[in-house]
Every structure is written in C-alpha cells, then in structure tokens.
C-alpha cells in the first residue's frame, strides 16, 4: 500500500498551505509510515492511504517517487 504524506519541513513550523510538501511511502499501516518518518524533523499534517485510482493519478506526476522502494 502507498500512503501520501503532507508535511512541513520543520517540526516547529506552523502549517501553512503554501509551504506544505508531500511524499509517498510504501507501508502496510499508517503506524509504519510514522515509524519511517520518525527520524526526520518534520511536522506531519496528514497521512492518506491512496486507493488504486488516486495512486494512478499521482503516478502521472513527474515528481512522484516512493521514498522507501
């Protein structure tokens, strides 16, 4: 399963839409995603499990890259 993570680069940064970044992580659970990102100093806003249609849409982006593949 692939999760999309919306985050701010600094854990102390207040979420501002214009500064929100995204990344994709392959994991079995949301907890595994959080474990994977634990060492990074990021402020996680939202973690979303991508269904097949949403994943296909995201894969069309030139910036799509799964972090832990």
C-alpha atoms as a PDB file:
ATOM      1  CA  UNK A   1       0.000   0.000   0.000  1.00  0.00           C
ATOM      2  CA  UNK A   2       1.164   3.512  -0.725  1.00  0.00           C
ATOM      3  CA  UNK A   3       0.492   6.444   1.575  1.00  0.00           C
ATOM      4  CA  UNK A   4       0.688  10.123   0.700  1.00  0.00           C
ATOM      5  CA  UNK A   5       2.116  12.259   3.491  1.00  0.00           C
ATOM      6  CA  UNK A   6       1.540  16.012   3.667  1.00  0.00           C
ATOM      7  CA  UNK A   7       4.069  17.744   5.889  1.00  0.00           C
ATOM      8  CA  UNK A   8       6.018  20.878   6.804  1.00  0.00           C
ATOM      9  CA  UNK A   9       9.815  20.589   6.626  1.00  0.00           C
ATOM     10  CA  UNK A  10      10.333  21.910  10.167  1.00  0.00           C
ATOM     11  CA  UNK A  11       8.601  20.201  13.096  1.00  0.00           C
ATOM     12  CA  UNK A  12       8.175  23.572  14.803  1.00  0.00           C
ATOM     13  CA  UNK A  13       6.689  25.276  11.742  1.00  0.00           C
ATOM     14  CA  UNK A  14       3.021  26.190  11.814  1.00  0.00           C
ATOM     15  CA  UNK A  15       1.226  24.530   8.897  1.00  0.00           C
ATOM     16  CA  UNK A  16       0.887  26.964   6.005  1.00  0.00           C
ATOM     17  CA  UNK A  17      -0.701  25.633   2.842  1.00  0.00           C
ATOM     18  CA  UNK A  18       1.848  27.293   0.556  1.00  0.00           C
ATOM     19  CA  UNK A  19       4.725  25.545   2.385  1.00  0.00           C
ATOM     20  CA  UNK A  20       3.172  22.087   2.544  1.00  0.00           C
ATOM     21  CA  UNK A  21       5.209  19.366   0.871  1.00  0.00           C
ATOM     22  CA  UNK A  22       4.213  15.822   0.026  1.00  0.00           C
ATOM     23  CA  UNK A  23       5.937  12.479  -0.189  1.00  0.00           C
ATOM     24  CA  UNK A  24       4.870   8.904  -0.782  1.00  0.00           C
ATOM     25  CA  UNK A  25       5.712   5.950   1.429  1.00  0.00           C
ATOM     26  CA  UNK A  26       5.078   2.250   0.842  1.00  0.00           C
ATOM     27  CA  UNK A  27       3.921   0.599   4.088  1.00  0.00           C
ATOM     28  CA  UNK A  28       1.317  -1.772   5.488  1.00  0.00           C
ATOM     29  CA  UNK A  29      -0.063   0.642   8.100  1.00  0.00           C
ATOM     30  CA  UNK A  30      -0.085   4.343   8.972  1.00  0.00           C
ATOM     31  CA  UNK A  31       1.952   3.432  12.048  1.00  0.00           C
ATOM     32  CA  UNK A  32       4.730   2.071   9.795  1.00  0.00           C
ATOM     33  CA  UNK A  33       4.699   5.369   7.880  1.00  0.00           C
ATOM     34  CA  UNK A  34       5.133   7.297  11.126  1.00  0.00           C
ATOM     35  CA  UNK A  35       7.983   4.960  12.172  1.00  0.00           C
ATOM     36  CA  UNK A  36       9.675   5.513   8.805  1.00  0.00           C
ATOM     37  CA  UNK A  37       9.476   9.306   9.229  1.00  0.00           C
ATOM     38  CA  UNK A  38      10.355   9.300  12.938  1.00  0.00           C
ATOM     39  CA  UNK A  39      13.993  10.301  12.424  1.00  0.00           C
ATOM     40  CA  UNK A  40      13.131  13.268  10.205  1.00  0.00           C
ATOM     41  CA  UNK A  41      12.387  16.628  11.759  1.00  0.00           C
ATOM     42  CA  UNK A  42       9.054  17.162  10.008  1.00  0.00           C
ATOM     43  CA  UNK A  43       5.581  18.268  11.075  1.00  0.00           C
ATOM     44  CA  UNK A  44       3.177  15.684   9.633  1.00  0.00           C
ATOM     45  CA  UNK A  45      -0.126  17.269   8.708  1.00  0.00           C
ATOM     46  CA  UNK A  46      -1.949  14.341   7.142  1.00  0.00           C
ATOM     47  CA  UNK A  47      -1.326  10.749   6.065  1.00  0.00           C
ATOM     48  CA  UNK A  48      -3.632   9.373   3.383  1.00  0.00           C
ATOM     49  CA  UNK A  49      -3.874   5.814   2.100  1.00  0.00           C
ATOM     50  CA  UNK A  50      -4.102   6.012  -1.695  1.00  0.00           C
ATOM     51  CA  UNK A  51      -6.652   3.822  -3.424  1.00  0.00           C
ATOM     52  CA  UNK A  52      -5.818   2.422  -6.870  1.00  0.00           C
ATOM     53  CA  UNK A  53      -7.398   5.306  -8.801  1.00  0.00           C
ATOM     54  CA  UNK A  54      -5.768   8.017  -6.691  1.00  0.00           C
ATOM     55  CA  UNK A  55      -2.390   6.259  -6.903  1.00  0.00           C
ATOM     56  CA  UNK A  56      -2.681   6.046 -10.706  1.00  0.00           C
ATOM     57  CA  UNK A  57      -3.390   9.785 -10.802  1.00  0.00           C
ATOM     58  CA  UNK A  58      -0.435  10.631  -8.528  1.00  0.00           C
ATOM     59  CA  UNK A  59       1.901   8.421 -10.605  1.00  0.00           C
ATOM     60  CA  UNK A  60       1.299  10.677 -13.617  1.00  0.00           C
ATOM     61  CA  UNK A  61       3.245  13.471 -11.898  1.00  0.00           C
ATOM     62  CA  UNK A  62       6.905  13.843 -12.813  1.00  0.00           C
ATOM     63  CA  UNK A  63       7.591  14.366  -9.083  1.00  0.00           C
ATOM     64  CA  UNK A  64       6.071  11.043  -7.977  1.00  0.00           C
ATOM     65  CA  UNK A  65       8.620   8.897  -6.165  1.00  0.00           C
ATOM     66  CA  UNK A  66       8.024   6.375  -3.395  1.00  0.00           C
ATOM     67  CA  UNK A  67      10.502   7.054  -0.570  1.00  0.00           C
ATOM     68  CA  UNK A  68      11.257   3.558   0.667  1.00  0.00           C
ATOM     69  CA  UNK A  69      11.127   1.458  -2.511  1.00  0.00           C
END
